[in-house]
Amino acid sequence: MLIELAAGNKTITYGKLNTSSDSGYDFQDPEERELFADDIRDISQNEVNHGRPPLGSVVVYKSGSVTKEILESLFEMCQELYDLNPETTKPTNKFLKEMQLKCHEFWKDTENVRQFGERRR
C-alpha cells in the first residue's frame, strides 16, 4: 500500500493507514499508537538500509506534518544514504517534503516497483 501511495505522489494519515490496512491497532490506546509508529519507522529503516528512500515519509498526521521525533528519526536514518550534513540540512517539514519527493520519484519508476515492490502471492 505504501509503495502504491508513493508511486501515485500521495501521502496518507496514520489513522487512515491503520484503518485501510486492517492492522488492528487501537488508536485510542497511546501505547498502540506508538507501536504503529514504530512499525512505520522499521519499514523506513529497512528501505534506507537497502538504499531506497524511507516509505514512512508518506505517512503523516492530518495536518500533513509529523512530530519532531519522527523528523529526527527520518533524518538520522537518511543521513548516510543521502550524505546529509546537520549544519546545512535540518529535520524540518522542508526535509520531510524532500524525503517524500525522493520516495515519489523512486517508486514512480516501474522497474523499481517490479524489482523491490510488494511480492506477488
PDB file of N, CA and C in Angstrom:
ATOM      1  N   MET A   1       0.820  -1.197   0.000  1.00  0.00           N
ATOM      2  CA  MET A   1       0.000   0.000   0.000  1.00  0.00           C
ATOM      3  C   MET A   1       0.867   1.265   0.000  1.00  0.00           C
ATOM      4  N   LEU A   2       1.936   1.278   0.798  1.00  0.00           N
ATOM      5  CA  LEU A   2       2.792   2.465   0.851  1.00  0.00           C
ATOM      6  C   LEU A   2       3.483   2.706  -0.489  1.00  0.00           C
ATOM      7  N   ILE A   3       3.864   1.631  -1.159  1.00  0.00           N
ATOM      8  CA  ILE A   3       4.514   1.779  -2.458  1.00  0.00           C
ATOM      9  C   ILE A   3       3.536   2.384  -3.461  1.00  0.00           C
ATOM     10  N   GLU A   4       2.306   1.918  -3.451  1.00  0.00           N
ATOM     11  CA  GLU A   4       1.290   2.463  -4.359  1.00  0.00           C
ATOM     12  C   GLU A   4       1.075   3.955  -4.103  1.00  0.00           C
ATOM     13  N   LEU A   5       1.031   4.333  -2.835  1.00  0.00           N
ATOM     14  CA  LEU A   5       0.861   5.746  -2.487  1.00  0.00           C
ATOM     15  C   LEU A   5       2.049   6.565  -2.989  1.00  0.00           C
ATOM     16  N   ALA A   6       3.253   6.061  -2.731  1.00  0.00           N
ATOM     17  CA  ALA A   6       4.457   6.778  -3.151  1.00  0.00           C
ATOM     18  C   ALA A   6       4.490   6.922  -4.668  1.00  0.00           C
ATOM     19  N   ALA A   7       4.160   5.849  -5.381  1.00  0.00           N
ATOM     20  CA  ALA A   7       4.170   5.893  -6.840  1.00  0.00           C
ATOM     21  C   ALA A   7       3.125   6.868  -7.375  1.00  0.00           C
ATOM     22  N   GLY A   8       2.052   7.075  -6.612  1.00  0.00           N
ATOM     23  CA  GLY A   8       0.989   7.983  -7.030  1.00  0.00           C
ATOM     24  C   GLY A   8       1.122   9.394  -6.496  1.00  0.00           C
ATOM     25  N   ASN A   9       2.308   9.743  -5.973  1.00  0.00           N
ATOM     26  CA  ASN A   9       2.547  11.084  -5.413  1.00  0.00           C
ATOM     27  C   ASN A   9       1.573  11.424  -4.289  1.00  0.00           C
ATOM     28  N   LYS A  10       1.236  10.449  -3.471  1.00  0.00           N
ATOM     29  CA  LYS A  10       0.263  10.668  -2.411  1.00  0.00           C
ATOM     30  C   LYS A  10       0.878  10.430  -1.047  1.00  0.00           C
ATOM     31  N   THR A  11       0.182  10.945  -0.041  1.00  0.00           N
ATOM     32  CA  THR A  11       0.509  10.654   1.346  1.00  0.00           C
ATOM     33  C   THR A  11      -0.751  10.071   1.992  1.00  0.00           C
ATOM     34  N   ILE A  12      -0.591   9.560   3.199  1.00  0.00           N
ATOM     35  CA  ILE A  12      -1.724   9.009   3.936  1.00  0.00           C
ATOM     36  C   ILE A  12      -1.529   9.323   5.415  1.00  0.00           C
ATOM     37  N   THR A  13      -2.628   9.516   6.119  1.00  0.00           N
ATOM     38  CA  THR A  13      -2.511   9.772   7.555  1.00  0.00           C
ATOM     39  C   THR A  13      -2.307   8.451   8.299  1.00  0.00           C
ATOM     40  N   TYR A  14      -1.737   8.554   9.486  1.00  0.00           N
ATOM     41  CA  TYR A  14      -1.537   7.369  10.318  1.00  0.00           C
ATOM     42  C   TYR A  14      -2.863   6.649  10.548  1.00  0.00           C
ATOM     43  N   GLY A  15      -3.899   7.406  10.886  1.00  0.00           N
ATOM     44  CA  GLY A  15      -5.196   6.810  11.175  1.00  0.00           C
ATOM     45  C   GLY A  15      -5.788   6.095   9.977  1.00  0.00           C
ATOM     46  N   LYS A  16      -5.717   6.727   8.818  1.00  0.00           N
ATOM     47  CA  LYS A  16      -6.283   6.115   7.613  1.00  0.00           C
ATOM     48  C   LYS A  16      -5.491   4.867   7.216  1.00  0.00           C
ATOM     49  N   LEU A  17      -4.173   4.908   7.369  1.00  0.00           N
ATOM     50  CA  LEU A  17      -3.355   3.743   7.063  1.00  0.00           C
ATOM     51  C   LEU A  17      -3.705   2.594   8.004  1.00  0.00           C
ATOM     52  N   ASN A  18      -3.877   2.894   9.275  1.00  0.00           N
ATOM     53  CA  ASN A  18      -4.241   1.871  10.258  1.00  0.00           C
ATOM     54  C   ASN A  18      -5.561   1.209   9.868  1.00  0.00           C
ATOM     55  N   THR A  19      -6.522   2.025   9.492  1.00  0.00           N
ATOM     56  CA  THR A  19      -7.843   1.508   9.135  1.00  0.00           C
ATOM     57  C   THR A  19      -7.811   0.748   7.809  1.00  0.00           C
ATOM     58  N   SER A  20      -7.227   1.340   6.779  1.00  0.00           N
ATOM     59  CA  SER A  20      -7.268   0.736   5.441  1.00  0.00           C
ATOM     60  C   SER A  20      -6.383  -0.496   5.323  1.00  0.00           C
ATOM     61  N   SER A  21      -5.382  -0.618   6.175  1.00  0.00           N
ATOM     62  CA  SER A  21      -4.506  -1.790   6.102  1.00  0.00           C
ATOM     63  C   SER A  21      -4.961  -2.899   7.035  1.00  0.00           C
ATOM     64  N   ASP A  22      -6.049  -2.654   7.765  1.00  0.00           N
ATOM     65  CA  ASP A  22      -6.557  -3.637   8.729  1.00  0.00           C
ATOM     66  C   ASP A  22      -5.467  -4.114   9.682  1.00  0.00           C
ATOM     67  N   SER A  23      -4.624  -3.196  10.109  1.00  0.00           N
ATOM     68  CA  SER A  23      -3.527  -3.572  11.000  1.00  0.00           C
ATOM     69  C   SER A  23      -4.000  -3.883  12.415  1.00  0.00           C
ATOM     70  N   GLY A  24      -5.175  -3.380  12.785  1.00  0.00           N
ATOM     71  CA  GLY A  24      -5.770  -3.757  14.056  1.00  0.00           C
ATOM     72  C   GLY A  24      -5.297  -2.984  15.277  1.00  0.00           C
ATOM     73  N   TYR A  25      -4.529  -1.938  15.086  1.00  0.00           N
ATOM     74  CA  TYR A  25      -4.097  -1.149  16.244  1.00  0.00           C
ATOM     75  C   TYR A  25      -5.269  -0.320  16.763  1.00  0.00           C
ATOM     76  N   ASP A  26      -5.355  -0.207  18.064  1.00  0.00           N
ATOM     77  CA  ASP A  26      -6.382   0.612  18.709  1.00  0.00           C
ATOM     78  C   ASP A  26      -5.776   1.980  18.985  1.00  0.00           C
ATOM     79  N   PHE A  27      -6.106   2.961  18.153  1.00  0.00           N
ATOM     80  CA  PHE A  27      -5.516   4.287  18.297  1.00  0.00           C
ATOM     81  C   PHE A  27      -6.038   5.030  19.519  1.00  0.00           C
ATOM     82  N   GLN A  28      -7.018   4.479  20.217  1.00  0.00           N
ATOM     83  CA  GLN A  28      -7.461   5.075  21.481  1.00  0.00           C
ATOM     84  C   GLN A  28      -6.428   4.816  22.571  1.00  0.00           C
ATOM     85  N   ASP A  29      -5.597   3.804  22.360  1.00  0.00           N
ATOM     86  CA  ASP A  29      -4.555   3.422  23.318  1.00  0.00           C
ATOM     87  C   ASP A  29      -3.227   4.034  22.861  1.00  0.00           C
ATOM     88  N   PRO A  30      -2.670   4.963  23.665  1.00  0.00           N
ATOM     89  CA  PRO A  30      -1.414   5.619  23.270  1.00  0.00           C
ATOM     90  C   PRO A  30      -0.264   4.638  23.008  1.00  0.00           C
ATOM     91  N   GLU A  31      -0.221   3.552  23.743  1.00  0.00           N
ATOM     92  CA  GLU A  31       0.826   2.558  23.541  1.00  0.00           C
ATOM     93  C   GLU A  31       0.720   1.913  22.163  1.00  0.00           C
ATOM     94  N   GLU A  32      -0.500   1.626  21.746  1.00  0.00           N
ATOM     95  CA  GLU A  32      -0.697   1.009  20.436  1.00  0.00           C
ATOM     96  C   GLU A  32      -0.390   1.999  19.308  1.00  0.00           C
ATOM     97  N   ARG A  33      -0.710   3.276  19.521  1.00  0.00           N
ATOM     98  CA  ARG A  33      -0.343   4.290  18.519  1.00  0.00           C
ATOM     99  C   ARG A  33       1.173   4.334  18.359  1.00  0.00           C
ATOM    100  N   GLU A  34       1.878   4.241  19.488  1.00  0.00           N
ATOM    101  CA  GLU A  34       3.338   4.264  19.462  1.00  0.00           C
ATOM    102  C   GLU A  34       3.893   3.023  18.759  1.00  0.00           C
ATOM    103  N   LEU A  35       3.278   1.878  19.009  1.00  0.00           N
ATOM    104  CA  LEU A  35       3.713   0.647  18.346  1.00  0.00           C
ATOM    105  C   LEU A  35       3.523   0.732  16.826  1.00  0.00           C
ATOM    106  N   PHE A  36       2.428   1.339  16.416  1.00  0.00           N
ATOM    107  CA  PHE A  36       2.166   1.526  14.990  1.00  0.00           C
ATOM    108  C   PHE A  36       3.238   2.434  14.385  1.00  0.00           C
ATOM    109  N   ALA A  37       3.542   3.525  15.056  1.00  0.00           N
ATOM    110  CA  ALA A  37       4.594   4.439  14.582  1.00  0.00           C
ATOM    111  C   ALA A  37       5.939   3.713  14.513  1.00  0.00           C
ATOM    112  N   ASP A  38       6.207   2.840  15.490  1.00  0.00           N
ATOM    113  CA  ASP A  38       7.437   2.046  15.472  1.00  0.00           C
ATOM    114  C   ASP A  38       7.489   1.143  14.246  1.00  0.00           C
ATOM    115  N   ASP A  39       6.347   0.540  13.893  1.00  0.00           N
ATOM    116  CA  ASP A  39       6.297  -0.319  12.709  1.00  0.00           C
ATOM    117  C   ASP A  39       6.613   0.477  11.446  1.00  0.00           C
ATOM    118  N   ILE A  40       6.057   1.680  11.356  1.00  0.00           N
ATOM    119  CA  ILE A  40       6.327   2.533  10.186  1.00  0.00           C
ATOM    120  C   ILE A  40       7.810   2.900  10.143  1.00  0.00           C
ATOM    121  N   ARG A  41       8.371   3.212  11.305  1.00  0.00           N
ATOM    122  CA  ARG A  41       9.806   3.542  11.371  1.00  0.00           C
ATOM    123  C   ARG A  41      10.649   2.343  10.950  1.00  0.00           C
ATOM    124  N   ASP A  42      10.256   1.140  11.370  1.00  0.00           N
ATOM    125  CA  ASP A  42      11.004  -0.064  10.990  1.00  0.00           C
ATOM    126  C   ASP A  42      10.957  -0.298   9.484  1.00  0.00           C
ATOM    127  N   ILE A  43       9.809  -0.060   8.876  1.00  0.00           N
ATOM    128  CA  ILE A  43       9.689  -0.183   7.416  1.00  0.00           C
ATOM    129  C   ILE A  43      10.645   0.800   6.743  1.00  0.00           C
ATOM    130  N   SER A  44      10.656   2.035   7.225  1.00  0.00           N
ATOM    131  CA  SER A  44      11.549   3.050   6.655  1.00  0.00           C
ATOM    132  C   SER A  44      13.009   2.661   6.817  1.00  0.00           C
ATOM    133  N   GLN A  45      13.358   2.182   7.996  1.00  0.00           N
ATOM    134  CA  GLN A  45      14.747   1.803   8.258  1.00  0.00           C
ATOM    135  C   GLN A  45      15.169   0.678   7.319  1.00  0.00           C
ATOM    136  N   ASN A  46      14.304  -0.284   7.101  1.00  0.00           N
ATOM    137  CA  ASN A  46      14.607  -1.372   6.176  1.00  0.00           C
ATOM    138  C   ASN A  46      14.834  -0.836   4.768  1.00  0.00           C
ATOM    139  N   GLU A  47      13.995   0.074   4.335  1.00  0.00           N
ATOM    140  CA  GLU A  47      14.147   0.653   2.998  1.00  0.00           C
ATOM    141  C   GLU A  47      15.479   1.395   2.880  1.00  0.00           C
ATOM    142  N   VAL A  48      15.782   2.226   3.858  1.00  0.00           N
ATOM    143  CA  VAL A  48      17.028   3.003   3.835  1.00  0.00           C
ATOM    144  C   VAL A  48      18.238   2.070   3.880  1.00  0.00           C
ATOM    145  N   ASN A  49      18.158   1.001   4.686  1.00  0.00           N
ATOM    146  CA  ASN A  49      19.259   0.037   4.760  1.00  0.00           C
ATOM    147  C   ASN A  49      19.538  -0.612   3.405  1.00  0.00           C
ATOM    148  N   HIS A  50      18.529  -0.650   2.550  1.00  0.00           N
ATOM    149  CA  HIS A  50      18.682  -1.239   1.228  1.00  0.00           C
ATOM    150  C   HIS A  50      18.851  -0.173   0.129  1.00  0.00           C
ATOM    151  N   GLY A  51      19.143   1.059   0.546  1.00  0.00           N
ATOM    152  CA  GLY A  51      19.453   2.120  -0.412  1.00  0.00           C
ATOM    153  C   GLY A  51      18.249   2.766  -1.066  1.00  0.00           C
ATOM    154  N   ARG A  52      17.078   2.579  -0.467  1.00  0.00           N
ATOM    155  CA  ARG A  52      15.858   3.169  -1.019  1.00  0.00           C
ATOM    156  C   ARG A  52      15.351   4.260  -0.078  1.00  0.00           C
ATOM    157  N   PRO A  53      14.564   5.191  -0.584  1.00  0.00           N
ATOM    158  CA  PRO A  53      14.032   6.263   0.268  1.00  0.00           C
ATOM    159  C   PRO A  53      13.045   5.708   1.305  1.00  0.00           C
ATOM    160  N   PRO A  54      12.895   6.412   2.419  1.00  0.00           N
ATOM    161  CA  PRO A  54      12.051   5.926   3.512  1.00  0.00           C
ATOM    162  C   PRO A  54      10.560   6.014   3.184  1.00  0.00           C
ATOM    163  N   LEU A  55       9.922   4.861   3.037  1.00  0.00           N
ATOM    164  CA  LEU A  55       8.489   4.831   2.732  1.00  0.00           C
ATOM    165  C   LEU A  55       7.653   5.496   3.817  1.00  0.00           C
ATOM    166  N   GLY A  56       8.139   5.488   5.044  1.00  0.00           N
ATOM    167  CA  GLY A  56       7.399   6.115   6.140  1.00  0.00           C
ATOM    168  C   GLY A  56       7.209   7.608   5.965  1.00  0.00           C
ATOM    169  N   SER A  57       7.962   8.213   5.056  1.00  0.00           N
ATOM    170  CA  SER A  57       7.812   9.660   4.845  1.00  0.00           C
ATOM    171  C   SER A  57       6.467  10.003   4.232  1.00  0.00           C
ATOM    172  N   VAL A  58       5.779   9.038   3.639  1.00  0.00           N
ATOM    173  CA  VAL A  58       4.466   9.317   3.049  1.00  0.00           C
ATOM    174  C   VAL A  58       3.342   9.174   4.068  1.00  0.00           C
ATOM    175  N   VAL A  59       3.685   8.795   5.311  1.00  0.00           N
ATOM    176  CA  VAL A  59       2.685   8.665   6.377  1.00  0.00           C
ATOM    177  C   VAL A  59       2.783   9.905   7.265  1.00  0.00           C
ATOM    178  N   VAL A  60       1.682  10.645   7.340  1.00  0.00           N
ATOM    179  CA  VAL A  60       1.680  11.934   8.032  1.00  0.00           C
ATOM    180  C   VAL A  60       0.470  12.049   8.951  1.00  0.00           C
ATOM    181  N   TYR A  61       0.449  13.129   9.706  1.00  0.00           N
ATOM    182  CA  TYR A  61      -0.722  13.465  10.514  1.00  0.00           C
ATOM    183  C   TYR A  61      -1.714  14.227   9.650  1.00  0.00           C
ATOM    184  N   LYS A  62      -2.892  14.469  10.164  1.00  0.00           N
ATOM    185  CA  LYS A  62      -3.926  15.174   9.395  1.00  0.00           C
ATOM    186  C   LYS A  62      -3.433  16.518   8.868  1.00  0.00           C
ATOM    187  N   SER A  63      -2.537  17.153   9.585  1.00  0.00           N
ATOM    188  CA  SER A  63      -2.012  18.452   9.168  1.00  0.00           C
ATOM    189  C   SER A  63      -1.028  18.339   8.006  1.00  0.00           C
ATOM    190  N   GLY A  64      -0.623  17.106   7.688  1.00  0.00           N
ATOM    191  CA  GLY A  64       0.369  16.907   6.632  1.00  0.00           C
ATOM    192  C   GLY A  64       1.790  16.922   7.143  1.00  0.00           C
ATOM    193  N   SER A  65       1.944  17.050   8.455  1.00  0.00           N
ATOM    194  CA  SER A  65       3.276  17.081   9.046  1.00  0.00           C
ATOM    195  C   SER A  65       3.461  15.850   9.938  1.00  0.00           C
ATOM    196  N   VAL A  66       4.579  15.784  10.610  1.00  0.00           N
ATOM    197  CA  VAL A  66       4.871  14.727  11.580  1.00  0.00           C
ATOM    198  C   VAL A  66       5.516  15.377  12.797  1.00  0.00           C
ATOM    199  N   THR A  67       5.740  14.585  13.834  1.00  0.00           N
ATOM    200  CA  THR A  67       6.338  15.124  15.055  1.00  0.00           C
ATOM    201  C   THR A  67       7.838  15.367  14.866  1.00  0.00           C
ATOM    202  N   LYS A  68       8.378  16.160  15.745  1.00  0.00           N
ATOM    203  CA  LYS A  68       9.817  16.424  15.735  1.00  0.00           C
ATOM    204  C   LYS A  68      10.590  15.117  15.889  1.00  0.00           C
ATOM    205  N   GLU A  69      10.098  14.233  16.750  1.00  0.00           N
ATOM    206  CA  GLU A  69      10.758  12.946  16.980  1.00  0.00           C
ATOM    207  C   GLU A  69      10.817  12.121  15.687  1.00  0.00           C
ATOM    208  N   ILE A  70       9.720  12.101  14.935  1.00  0.00           N
ATOM    209  CA  ILE A  70       9.692  11.353  13.673  1.00  0.00           C
ATOM    210  C   ILE A  70      10.636  11.995  12.662  1.00  0.00           C
ATOM    211  N   LEU A  71      10.633  13.321  12.583  1.00  0.00           N
ATOM    212  CA  LEU A  71      11.544  14.015  11.666  1.00  0.00           C
ATOM    213  C   LEU A  71      12.998  13.702  11.992  1.00  0.00           C
ATOM    214  N   GLU A  72      13.327  13.734  13.288  1.00  0.00           N
ATOM    215  CA  GLU A  72      14.702  13.456  13.699  1.00  0.00           C
ATOM    216  C   GLU A  72      15.083  12.015  13.381  1.00  0.00           C
ATOM    217  N   SER A  73      14.145  11.094  13.560  1.00  0.00           N
ATOM    218  CA  SER A  73      14.400   9.693  13.240  1.00  0.00           C
ATOM    219  C   SER A  73      14.635   9.508  11.744  1.00  0.00           C
ATOM    220  N   LEU A  74      13.794  10.138  10.915  1.00  0.00           N
ATOM    221  CA  LEU A  74      13.984  10.085   9.456  1.00  0.00           C
ATOM    222  C   LEU A  74      15.340  10.666   9.068  1.00  0.00           C
ATOM    223  N   PHE A  75      15.672  11.803   9.666  1.00  0.00           N
ATOM    224  CA  PHE A  75      16.950  12.452   9.361  1.00  0.00           C
ATOM    225  C   PHE A  75      18.107  11.529   9.705  1.00  0.00           C
ATOM    226  N   GLU A  76      18.051  10.947  10.890  1.00  0.00           N
ATOM    227  CA  GLU A  76      19.137  10.081  11.348  1.00  0.00           C
ATOM    228  C   GLU A  76      19.313   8.876  10.428  1.00  0.00           C
ATOM    229  N   MET A  77      18.195   8.243  10.046  1.00  0.00           N
ATOM    230  CA  MET A  77      18.325   7.051   9.208  1.00  0.00           C
ATOM    231  C   MET A  77      18.746   7.399   7.776  1.00  0.00           C
ATOM    232  N   CYS A  78      18.463   8.616   7.322  1.00  0.00           N
ATOM    233  CA  CYS A  78      18.797   9.019   5.944  1.00  0.00           C
ATOM    234  C   CYS A  78      20.132   9.740   5.835  1.00  0.00           C
ATOM    235  N   GLN A  79      20.731  10.058   6.966  1.00  0.00           N
ATOM    236  CA  GLN A  79      21.943  10.877   6.975  1.00  0.00           C
ATOM    237  C   GLN A  79      23.043  10.279   6.097  1.00  0.00           C
ATOM    238  N   GLU A  80      23.322   8.997   6.251  1.00  0.00           N
ATOM    239  CA  GLU A  80      24.388   8.383   5.470  1.00  0.00           C
ATOM    240  C   GLU A  80      23.965   8.166   4.016  1.00  0.00           C
ATOM    241  N   LEU A  81      22.739   7.673   3.805  1.00  0.00           N
ATOM    242  CA  LEU A  81      22.258   7.376   2.457  1.00  0.00           C
ATOM    243  C   LEU A  81      22.320   8.599   1.550  1.00  0.00           C
ATOM    244  N   TYR A  82      21.940   9.751   2.079  1.00  0.00           N
ATOM    245  CA  TYR A  82      21.894  10.969   1.276  1.00  0.00           C
ATOM    246  C   TYR A  82      23.009  11.955   1.610  1.00  0.00           C
ATOM    247  N   ASP A  83      23.989  11.507   2.383  1.00  0.00           N
ATOM    248  CA  ASP A  83      25.124  12.344   2.762  1.00  0.00           C
ATOM    249  C   ASP A  83      24.646  13.695   3.300  1.00  0.00           C
ATOM    250  N   LEU A  84      23.727  13.617   4.260  1.00  0.00           N
ATOM    251  CA  LEU A  84      23.154  14.834   4.844  1.00  0.00           C
ATOM    252  C   LEU A  84      24.111  15.450   5.851  1.00  0.00           C
ATOM    253  N   ASN A  85      24.229  16.734   5.803  1.00  0.00           N
ATOM    254  CA  ASN A  85      25.074  17.476   6.725  1.00  0.00           C
ATOM    255  C   ASN A  85      24.170  18.204   7.713  1.00  0.00           C
ATOM    256  N   PRO A  86      24.294  17.900   9.015  1.00  0.00           N
ATOM    257  CA  PRO A  86      23.433  18.545  10.002  1.00  0.00           C
ATOM    258  C   PRO A  86      23.596  20.066  10.071  1.00  0.00           C
ATOM    259  N   GLU A  87      24.674  20.580   9.527  1.00  0.00           N
ATOM    260  CA  GLU A  87      24.870  22.030   9.528  1.00  0.00           C
ATOM    261  C   GLU A  87      24.083  22.708   8.409  1.00  0.00           C
ATOM    262  N   THR A  88      23.794  21.953   7.334  1.00  0.00           N
ATOM    263  CA  THR A  88      23.088  22.563   6.206  1.00  0.00           C
ATOM    264  C   THR A  88      21.673  22.006   6.016  1.00  0.00           C
ATOM    265  N   THR A  89      21.406  20.833   6.564  1.00  0.00           N
ATOM    266  CA  THR A  89      20.081  20.218   6.450  1.00  0.00           C
ATOM    267  C   THR A  89      19.540  19.984   7.850  1.00  0.00           C
ATOM    268  N   LYS A  90      18.347  20.432   8.085  1.00  0.00           N
ATOM    269  CA  LYS A  90      17.720  20.281   9.400  1.00  0.00           C
ATOM    270  C   LYS A  90      16.467  19.413   9.277  1.00  0.00           C
ATOM    271  N   PRO A  91      16.150  18.637  10.315  1.00  0.00           N
ATOM    272  CA  PRO A  91      14.931  17.825  10.292  1.00  0.00           C
ATOM    273  C   PRO A  91      13.686  18.699  10.478  1.00  0.00           C
ATOM    274  N   THR A  92      13.244  19.288   9.388  1.00  0.00           N
ATOM    275  CA  THR A  92      12.085  20.177   9.398  1.00  0.00           C
ATOM    276  C   THR A  92      11.041  19.636   8.411  1.00  0.00           C
ATOM    277  N   ASN A  93       9.915  20.339   8.300  1.00  0.00           N
ATOM    278  CA  ASN A  93       8.910  19.935   7.319  1.00  0.00           C
ATOM    279  C   ASN A  93       9.454  20.020   5.894  1.00  0.00           C
ATOM    280  N   LYS A  94      10.383  20.933   5.653  1.00  0.00           N
ATOM    281  CA  LYS A  94      11.020  21.016   4.338  1.00  0.00           C
ATOM    282  C   LYS A  94      11.789  19.721   4.063  1.00  0.00           C
ATOM    283  N   PHE A  95      12.492  19.232   5.051  1.00  0.00           N
ATOM    284  CA  PHE A  95      13.209  17.963   4.922  1.00  0.00           C
ATOM    285  C   PHE A  95      12.219  16.825   4.650  1.00  0.00           C
ATOM    286  N   LEU A  96      11.083  16.806   5.364  1.00  0.00           N
ATOM    287  CA  LEU A  96      10.060  15.787   5.145  1.00  0.00           C
ATOM    288  C   LEU A  96       9.583  15.816   3.696  1.00  0.00           C
ATOM    289  N   LYS A  97       9.314  17.008   3.182  1.00  0.00           N
ATOM    290  CA  LYS A  97       8.860  17.144   1.793  1.00  0.00           C
ATOM    291  C   LYS A  97       9.928  16.633   0.816  1.00  0.00           C
ATOM    292  N   GLU A  98      11.195  16.879   1.122  1.00  0.00           N
ATOM    293  CA  GLU A  98      12.278  16.390   0.265  1.00  0.00           C
ATOM    294  C   GLU A  98      12.316  14.866   0.266  1.00  0.00           C
ATOM    295  N   MET A  99      12.115  14.251   1.435  1.00  0.00           N
ATOM    296  CA  MET A  99      12.108  12.788   1.520  1.00  0.00           C
ATOM    297  C   MET A  99      10.884  12.221   0.799  1.00  0.00           C
ATOM    298  N   GLN A 100       9.752  12.898   0.912  1.00  0.00           N
ATOM    299  CA  GLN A 100       8.558  12.458   0.192  1.00  0.00           C
ATOM    300  C   GLN A 100       8.811  12.502  -1.312  1.00  0.00           C
ATOM    301  N   LEU A 101       9.441  13.577  -1.780  1.00  0.00           N
ATOM    302  CA  LEU A 101       9.750  13.710  -3.204  1.00  0.00           C
ATOM    303  C   LEU A 101      10.683  12.591  -3.671  1.00  0.00           C
ATOM    304  N   LYS A 102      11.708  12.296  -2.889  1.00  0.00           N
ATOM    305  CA  LYS A 102      12.624  11.206  -3.235  1.00  0.00           C
ATOM    306  C   LYS A 102      11.868   9.881  -3.309  1.00  0.00           C
ATOM    307  N   CYS A 103      10.976   9.678  -2.369  1.00  0.00           N
ATOM    308  CA  CYS A 103      10.174   8.465  -2.322  1.00  0.00           C
ATOM    309  C   CYS A 103       9.258   8.383  -3.552  1.00  0.00           C
ATOM    310  N   HIS A 104       8.584   9.480  -3.836  1.00  0.00           N
ATOM    311  CA  HIS A 104       7.688   9.513  -5.003  1.00  0.00           C
ATOM    312  C   HIS A 104       8.466   9.237  -6.292  1.00  0.00           C
ATOM    313  N   GLU A 105       9.598   9.896  -6.449  1.00  0.00           N
ATOM    314  CA  GLU A 105      10.390   9.721  -7.668  1.00  0.00           C
ATOM    315  C   GLU A 105      10.885   8.285  -7.812  1.00  0.00           C
ATOM    316  N   PHE A 106      11.349   7.697  -6.708  1.00  0.00           N
ATOM    317  CA  PHE A 106      11.869   6.334  -6.747  1.00  0.00           C
ATOM    318  C   PHE A 106      10.781   5.343  -7.152  1.00  0.00           C
ATOM    319  N   TRP A 107       9.610   5.455  -6.528  1.00  0.00           N
ATOM    320  CA  TRP A 107       8.563   4.466  -6.751  1.00  0.00           C
ATOM    321  C   TRP A 107       7.734   4.730  -8.007  1.00  0.00           C
ATOM    322  N   LYS A 108       7.893   5.881  -8.636  1.00  0.00           N
ATOM    323  CA  LYS A 108       7.251   6.117  -9.936  1.00  0.00           C
ATOM    324  C   LYS A 108       7.895   5.249 -11.012  1.00  0.00           C
ATOM    325  N   ASP A 109       9.132   4.891 -10.800  1.00  0.00           N
ATOM    326  CA  ASP A 109       9.875   4.069 -11.743  1.00  0.00           C
ATOM    327  C   ASP A 109       9.346   2.630 -11.664  1.00  0.00           C
ATOM    328  N   THR A 110       8.688   2.187 -12.717  1.00  0.00           N
ATOM    329  CA  THR A 110       8.070   0.860 -12.700  1.00  0.00           C
ATOM    330  C   THR A 110       9.097  -0.255 -12.528  1.00  0.00           C
ATOM    331  N   GLU A 111      10.318  -0.024 -12.951  1.00  0.00           N
ATOM    332  CA  GLU A 111      11.366  -1.035 -12.751  1.00  0.00           C
ATOM    333  C   GLU A 111      11.657  -1.200 -11.259  1.00  0.00           C
ATOM    334  N   ASN A 112      11.650  -0.102 -10.512  1.00  0.00           N
ATOM    335  CA  ASN A 112      11.853  -0.204  -9.058  1.00  0.00           C
ATOM    336  C   ASN A 112      10.705  -0.969  -8.408  1.00  0.00           C
ATOM    337  N   VAL A 113       9.495  -0.700  -8.852  1.00  0.00           N
ATOM    338  CA  VAL A 113       8.338  -1.411  -8.310  1.00  0.00           C
ATOM    339  C   VAL A 113       8.459  -2.897  -8.630  1.00  0.00           C
ATOM    340  N   ARG A 114       8.827  -3.216  -9.861  1.00  0.00           N
ATOM    341  CA  ARG A 114       8.972  -4.615 -10.252  1.00  0.00           C
ATOM    342  C   ARG A 114      10.055  -5.309  -9.435  1.00  0.00           C
ATOM    343  N   GLN A 115      11.175  -4.621  -9.253  1.00  0.00           N
ATOM    344  CA  GLN A 115      12.316  -5.239  -8.581  1.00  0.00           C
ATOM    345  C   GLN A 115      12.171  -5.285  -7.063  1.00  0.00           C
ATOM    346  N   PHE A 116      11.638  -4.217  -6.463  1.00  0.00           N
ATOM    347  CA  PHE A 116      11.636  -4.122  -5.000  1.00  0.00           C
ATOM    348  C   PHE A 116      10.247  -4.068  -4.374  1.00  0.00           C
ATOM    349  N   GLY A 117       9.219  -3.969  -5.204  1.00  0.00           N
ATOM    350  CA  GLY A 117       7.862  -3.784  -4.701  1.00  0.00           C
ATOM    351  C   GLY A 117       7.323  -5.007  -3.998  1.00  0.00           C
ATOM    352  N   GLU A 118       6.057  -4.915  -3.662  1.00  0.00           N
ATOM    353  CA  GLU A 118       5.401  -5.993  -2.930  1.00  0.00           C
ATOM    354  C   GLU A 118       5.499  -7.301  -3.691  1.00  0.00           C
ATOM    355  N   ARG A 119       5.767  -8.344  -2.931  1.00  0.00           N
ATOM    356  CA  ARG A 119       5.883  -9.667  -3.529  1.00  0.00           C
ATOM    357  C   ARG A 119       4.515 -10.181  -3.952  1.00  0.00           C
ATOM    358  N   ARG A 120       4.514 -10.882  -5.039  1.00  0.00           N
ATOM    359  CA  ARG A 120       3.267 -11.478  -5.513  1.00  0.00           C
ATOM    360  C   ARG A 120       2.955 -12.705  -4.697  1.00  0.00           C
ATOM    361  N   ARG A 121       1.686 -12.916  -4.462  1.00  0.00           N
ATOM    362  CA  ARG A 121       1.289 -14.049  -3.634  1.00  0.00           C
ATOM    363  C   ARG A 121       0.979 -15.242  -4.489  1.00  0.00           C
TER     364      ARG A 121
END
